[in-house]
Amino acid sequence: LKTPVNAKTYLYSSNSWVDFNWHPIPLENIEYVLEISTTSGFASLIKKKGLQDSGIVLFEAPGEFYWRVVAIRKAETTTSSERNVNINLNEGEKIKERQVSSAVTSEIKGSSKEKRTAFELFFGEKEAVKKEKVKTGREKEFKIIFQK
């Protein structure tokens, strides 16, 4: 694990995005899951899947959090040691603010002569691209509106 270092304290704000970084394993076809919890036993998790060597998490409330990374390759998993990070109302390092759009709307229109139409949508920033598979019914014309 690279950053944040263990027991790091950040000053809470309404835009508390924290960068999590780790050293990737030098093998191919590895997926990483960033696990964040309010308990060291990781009973309740915030998971981020499909990451390479970093993840960005918005903390919506102050508190003490624990984090670790799980590397998955085929049927094998490797779990890192855990670290904790504190988001504090009164003290700590100020987090660099990020500009986040409150809403993103995408609209796709099209038509098909086939019985069914399927396609994939990719959206998001370079660090967090999301992929959605969409299938339409038997309609000859369609419109899909995605709102984030």
Protein backbone atom coordinates (compact mmCIF):
# COMPACT_ATOMS: atom_id res chain seq x y z
CA LEU A 1 0.00 0.00 0.00
CA LYS A 2 1.30 3.48 -0.88
CA THR A 3 -1.06 6.23 0.26
CA PRO A 4 -2.63 7.33 2.46
CA VAL A 5 -0.15 6.22 5.10
CA ASN A 6 -1.51 4.45 8.17
CA ALA A 7 -3.37 6.71 10.65
CA LYS A 8 -3.38 9.66 8.22
CA THR A 9 -5.80 12.42 9.29
CA TYR A 10 -7.57 14.66 6.78
CA LEU A 11 -9.71 17.71 7.48
CA TYR A 12 -13.33 16.98 6.53
CA SER A 13 -15.13 19.10 3.95
CA SER A 14 -18.26 18.53 1.87
CA ASN A 15 -15.91 17.58 -0.99
CA SER A 16 -13.65 15.10 0.85
CA TRP A 17 -12.25 13.00 -2.01
CA VAL A 18 -9.28 10.90 -0.88
CA ASP A 19 -6.83 9.23 -3.29
CA PHE A 20 -5.88 5.63 -2.45
CA ASN A 21 -2.77 4.20 -4.12
CA TRP A 22 -0.98 0.88 -3.98
CA HIS A 23 1.78 -1.02 -5.77
CA PRO A 24 0.31 -3.26 -8.48
CA ILE A 25 1.37 -6.91 -8.60
CA PRO A 26 3.58 -7.44 -11.69
CA LEU A 27 1.33 -10.09 -13.29
CA GLU A 28 -1.23 -9.89 -16.09
CA ASN A 29 -5.02 -10.11 -15.77
CA ILE A 30 -5.32 -8.86 -12.21
CA GLU A 31 -8.37 -6.97 -10.94
CA TYR A 32 -8.14 -4.94 -7.75
CA VAL A 33 -10.91 -4.25 -5.27
CA LEU A 34 -10.43 -1.33 -2.88
CA GLU A 35 -12.27 -2.16 0.34
CA ILE A 36 -13.16 0.58 2.82
CA SER A 37 -14.99 -0.01 6.09
CA THR A 38 -15.87 1.71 9.35
CA THR A 39 -14.59 -1.35 11.27
CA SER A 40 -11.26 -3.14 11.19
CA GLY A 41 -13.12 -6.41 10.61
CA PHE A 42 -14.52 -4.98 7.34
CA ALA A 43 -18.10 -5.90 8.29
CA SER A 44 -19.68 -3.15 6.16
CA LEU A 45 -17.82 -2.29 2.97
CA ILE A 46 -17.59 0.38 0.34
CA LYS A 47 -16.13 -1.45 -2.67
CA LYS A 48 -14.52 -0.09 -5.80
CA LYS A 49 -13.95 -2.71 -8.48
CA GLY A 50 -11.93 -2.86 -11.65
CA LEU A 51 -9.10 -0.64 -10.45
CA GLN A 52 -5.46 -0.76 -11.52
CA ASP A 53 -3.29 0.98 -8.93
CA SER A 54 -5.43 3.73 -7.43
CA GLY A 55 -8.94 4.67 -6.40
CA ILE A 56 -10.74 7.87 -5.44
CA VAL A 57 -13.38 7.82 -2.70
CA LEU A 58 -15.74 10.57 -1.52
CA PHE A 59 -16.23 10.53 2.25
CA GLU A 60 -19.66 11.97 2.99
CA ALA A 61 -19.16 12.14 6.76
CA PRO A 62 -16.22 12.39 9.15
CA GLY A 63 -15.00 9.32 10.99
CA GLU A 64 -12.33 6.66 11.22
CA PHE A 65 -12.13 4.31 8.25
CA TYR A 66 -10.11 1.20 7.43
CA TRP A 67 -8.88 0.28 3.97
CA ARG A 68 -7.20 -2.59 2.18
CA VAL A 69 -6.82 -3.89 -1.36
CA VAL A 70 -7.77 -7.32 -2.67
CA ALA A 71 -5.98 -8.55 -5.81
CA ILE A 72 -7.97 -11.07 -7.85
CA ARG A 73 -6.49 -13.25 -10.60
CA LYS A 74 -8.69 -16.07 -11.85
CA ALA A 75 -9.63 -18.06 -8.72
CA GLU A 76 -6.80 -16.67 -6.58
CA THR A 77 -7.11 -13.70 -4.22
CA THR A 78 -4.48 -11.86 -2.22
CA THR A 79 -5.48 -9.35 0.47
CA SER A 80 -3.14 -6.57 1.60
CA SER A 81 -2.63 -5.54 5.19
CA GLU A 82 -5.11 -2.94 6.43
CA ARG A 83 -4.57 0.72 7.18
CA ASN A 84 -6.76 3.32 8.74
CA VAL A 85 -7.52 6.87 7.67
CA ASN A 86 -9.28 9.55 9.71
CA ILE A 87 -11.59 12.22 8.32
CA ASN A 88 -11.76 14.84 11.09
CA LEU A 89 -13.94 17.94 11.55
CA ASN A 90 -11.35 19.98 13.47
CA GLU A 91 -7.85 19.02 12.37
CA GLY A 92 -5.81 17.30 9.71
CA GLU A 93 -4.37 17.86 6.26
CA LYS A 94 -6.67 19.73 3.92
CA ILE A 95 -7.84 17.57 1.04
CA LYS A 96 -7.41 18.96 -2.46
CA GLU A 97 -10.90 19.88 -3.65
CA ARG A 98 -12.24 18.30 -6.83
CA GLN A 99 -14.80 19.80 -9.12
CA VAL A 100 -17.62 17.31 -9.50
CA SER A 101 -20.58 17.83 -11.77
CA SER A 102 -23.89 17.44 -9.99
CA ALA A 103 -25.54 15.73 -12.95
CA VAL A 104 -24.51 14.29 -16.26
CA THR A 105 -27.11 13.40 -18.84
CA SER A 106 -26.41 11.40 -21.97
CA GLU A 107 -28.94 10.60 -24.64
CA ILE A 108 -28.57 8.02 -27.37
CA LYS A 109 -31.00 7.61 -30.22
CA GLY A 110 -30.97 4.95 -32.88
CA SER A 111 -32.91 2.43 -34.85
CA SER A 112 -32.62 -1.23 -35.62
CA LYS A 113 -33.99 -3.63 -38.19
CA GLU A 114 -33.10 -6.60 -36.01
CA LYS A 115 -35.32 -8.17 -33.37
CA ARG A 116 -33.04 -6.93 -30.60
CA THR A 117 -30.28 -4.37 -30.39
CA ALA A 118 -27.45 -4.51 -27.87
CA PHE A 119 -24.60 -2.09 -27.32
CA GLU A 120 -22.29 -0.91 -24.57
CA LEU A 121 -21.98 2.56 -23.06
CA PHE A 122 -18.74 3.83 -21.53
CA PHE A 123 -18.79 6.93 -19.38
CA GLY A 124 -16.80 8.57 -16.63
CA GLU A 125 -13.35 10.00 -16.09
CA LYS A 126 -10.12 8.28 -17.07
CA GLU A 127 -9.69 6.94 -13.53
CA ALA A 128 -13.22 5.59 -13.20
CA VAL A 129 -14.80 4.56 -16.49
CA LYS A 130 -18.10 2.80 -16.07
CA LYS A 131 -19.42 0.32 -18.59
CA GLU A 132 -23.10 -0.45 -18.99
CA LYS A 133 -24.60 -3.04 -21.30
CA VAL A 134 -27.91 -1.97 -22.75
CA LYS A 135 -30.43 -4.07 -24.64
CA THR A 136 -33.51 -2.68 -26.28
CA GLY A 137 -36.69 -4.56 -26.96
CA ARG A 138 -38.21 -5.22 -30.37
CA GLU A 139 -38.88 -1.57 -31.05
CA LYS A 140 -37.62 -0.29 -34.40
CA GLU A 141 -36.68 3.06 -32.90
CA PHE A 142 -35.33 3.68 -29.45
CA LYS A 143 -34.05 6.39 -27.18
CA ILE A 144 -32.00 5.78 -24.06
CA ILE A 145 -31.46 8.53 -21.53
CA PHE A 146 -28.81 7.98 -18.89
CA GLN A 147 -28.66 10.40 -15.99
CA LYS A 148 -26.00 10.33 -13.33
